[in-house]
Every structure is written in C-alpha cells, then in structure tokens.
Amino acid sequence: MRERKCDLTGRRKNSKAMTISKSNIHTHREQGVNLHWQKLWWEEGNKFVRLRLAARTIKTIKLKGLQAVAMKHGVNLNKFAISSGSALKKVAEVVTV
C-alpha cells in the first residue's frame, strides 16, 4: 500500500493534533492530508504526468507552474510520466475548446 503523502512536496499527516474534550482531556489524533490524483500536462517535457497531490500543492501549481514547483522540491517529473504525446495534447485541446 502506498504512503499517504504528496508526490511533489512530500506533505504527510499531522500526528501532533489533539482532540480536547469538555473536561479538558487531551487525546492525540491524526489530521490527514487532502490528497487527490491529478493528470497534468507538463509543458517542458511535452508529456502528461499523473501525480497524487495535496490540495495546497494544486493551488501552488496553479500559481507558479508545475515545472517551478517540481524544481523547488527536487522532483523528477519523468518518473510520473504516463505518455509523451503531441497527439494526446491535440485531443485535449479539441475537447477543451
């Protein structure tokens, strides 16, 4: 089974969270990461990549771009490539238009 972490940033669960009862009893609990599978077009590599990303990472990619975020965190996007494809990109453009 795969570890629940973001493929780009490495963000994992927060195991230091606490539940506090009415009588002020503190109990440890976990806060999970909001992960989603995303298929993104990687412009520089001319490929689609499939990544498991945290919601915060998706927002960062929209702001800065996929290549910039991958370089910042030292991730090789070729590892996540699912196709090289000008043909697939053309199909995607036709569908979006």
Protein backbone atom coordinates (compact mmCIF):
# COMPACT_ATOMS: atom_id res chain seq x y z
CA MET A 1 0.00 0.00 0.00
CA ARG A 2 1.23 3.45 -0.90
CA GLU A 3 2.16 6.01 1.71
CA ARG A 4 -0.34 8.86 2.01
CA LYS A 5 1.88 11.77 1.04
CA CYS A 6 2.08 14.38 -1.68
CA ASP A 7 4.29 13.31 -4.61
CA LEU A 8 5.76 16.79 -5.12
CA THR A 9 6.07 18.39 -1.69
CA GLY A 10 6.22 15.28 0.49
CA ARG A 11 3.49 16.66 2.76
CA ARG A 12 2.25 13.99 5.22
CA LYS A 13 -0.29 13.61 8.00
CA ASN A 14 -0.06 15.75 11.12
CA SER A 15 0.27 13.32 14.03
CA LYS A 16 0.54 16.06 16.68
CA ALA A 17 -3.09 17.16 16.55
CA MET A 18 -5.19 16.94 19.70
CA THR A 19 -8.83 16.35 20.49
CA ILE A 20 -9.85 18.30 23.57
CA SER A 21 -12.91 17.13 25.49
CA LYS A 22 -15.23 19.25 27.57
CA SER A 23 -13.36 18.15 30.69
CA ASN A 24 -10.09 19.32 29.04
CA ILE A 25 -8.72 15.82 28.44
CA HIS A 26 -6.24 15.93 25.55
CA THR A 27 -6.17 12.93 23.20
CA HIS A 28 -3.84 12.57 20.22
CA ARG A 29 -5.39 12.22 16.79
CA GLU A 30 -4.19 12.45 13.21
CA GLN A 31 -5.03 15.08 10.63
CA GLY A 32 -4.77 13.55 7.18
CA VAL A 33 -3.56 15.26 4.03
CA ASN A 34 -6.19 16.25 1.45
CA LEU A 35 -4.80 14.15 -1.44
CA HIS A 36 -6.11 13.96 -5.00
CA TRP A 37 -4.94 12.13 -8.12
CA GLN A 38 -4.23 14.69 -10.85
CA LYS A 39 -3.32 14.24 -14.50
CA LEU A 40 -1.44 17.38 -15.56
CA TRP A 41 0.17 18.49 -18.81
CA TRP A 42 3.91 19.08 -18.32
CA GLU A 43 4.76 21.68 -20.96
CA GLU A 44 8.57 21.46 -20.73
CA GLY A 45 8.59 17.67 -21.01
CA ASN A 46 5.79 17.57 -23.60
CA LYS A 47 4.09 14.83 -21.55
CA PHE A 48 1.19 14.14 -19.26
CA VAL A 49 2.13 13.31 -15.67
CA ARG A 50 -0.07 11.62 -13.09
CA LEU A 51 0.57 12.76 -9.53
CA ARG A 52 -1.01 12.35 -6.13
CA LEU A 53 -1.11 15.92 -4.83
CA ALA A 54 -2.25 17.75 -1.73
CA ALA A 55 -4.88 20.45 -2.26
CA ARG A 56 -2.39 23.12 -1.15
CA THR A 57 0.13 21.86 -3.75
CA ILE A 58 -2.50 22.06 -6.50
CA LYS A 59 -3.06 25.73 -5.63
CA THR A 60 0.69 26.36 -5.71
CA ILE A 61 0.98 24.70 -9.14
CA LYS A 62 -1.78 26.95 -10.49
CA LEU A 63 0.10 29.98 -9.17
CA LYS A 64 3.73 29.13 -10.05
CA GLY A 65 3.54 26.31 -12.59
CA LEU A 66 4.32 22.60 -12.47
CA GLN A 67 7.99 22.84 -13.53
CA ALA A 68 8.83 25.52 -10.94
CA VAL A 69 7.28 23.57 -8.06
CA ALA A 70 8.99 20.33 -9.13
CA MET A 71 12.38 22.06 -9.37
CA LYS A 72 11.95 23.69 -5.95
CA HIS A 73 11.28 20.33 -4.29
CA GLY A 74 13.81 18.38 -6.38
CA VAL A 75 11.33 16.02 -8.06
CA ASN A 76 12.00 14.35 -11.42
CA LEU A 77 8.70 14.55 -13.33
CA ASN A 78 9.84 11.90 -15.83
CA LYS A 79 9.23 9.38 -13.05
CA PHE A 80 5.50 10.22 -13.17
CA ALA A 81 5.10 10.46 -16.97
CA ILE A 82 2.20 8.48 -18.39
CA SER A 83 2.61 9.44 -22.04
CA SER A 84 4.64 11.55 -24.34
CA GLY A 85 2.23 12.99 -26.63
CA SER A 86 1.63 15.73 -29.02
CA ALA A 87 -1.30 13.61 -30.25
CA LEU A 88 -2.82 13.46 -26.77
CA LYS A 89 -2.32 17.19 -26.32
CA LYS A 90 -4.17 17.86 -29.58
CA VAL A 91 -7.06 15.69 -28.39
CA ALA A 92 -7.12 17.56 -25.07
CA GLU A 93 -7.20 20.91 -26.88
CA VAL A 94 -10.11 19.79 -29.06
CA VAL A 95 -12.06 18.61 -26.00
CA THR A 96 -11.49 21.86 -24.07
CA VAL A 97 -12.42 24.13 -27.00
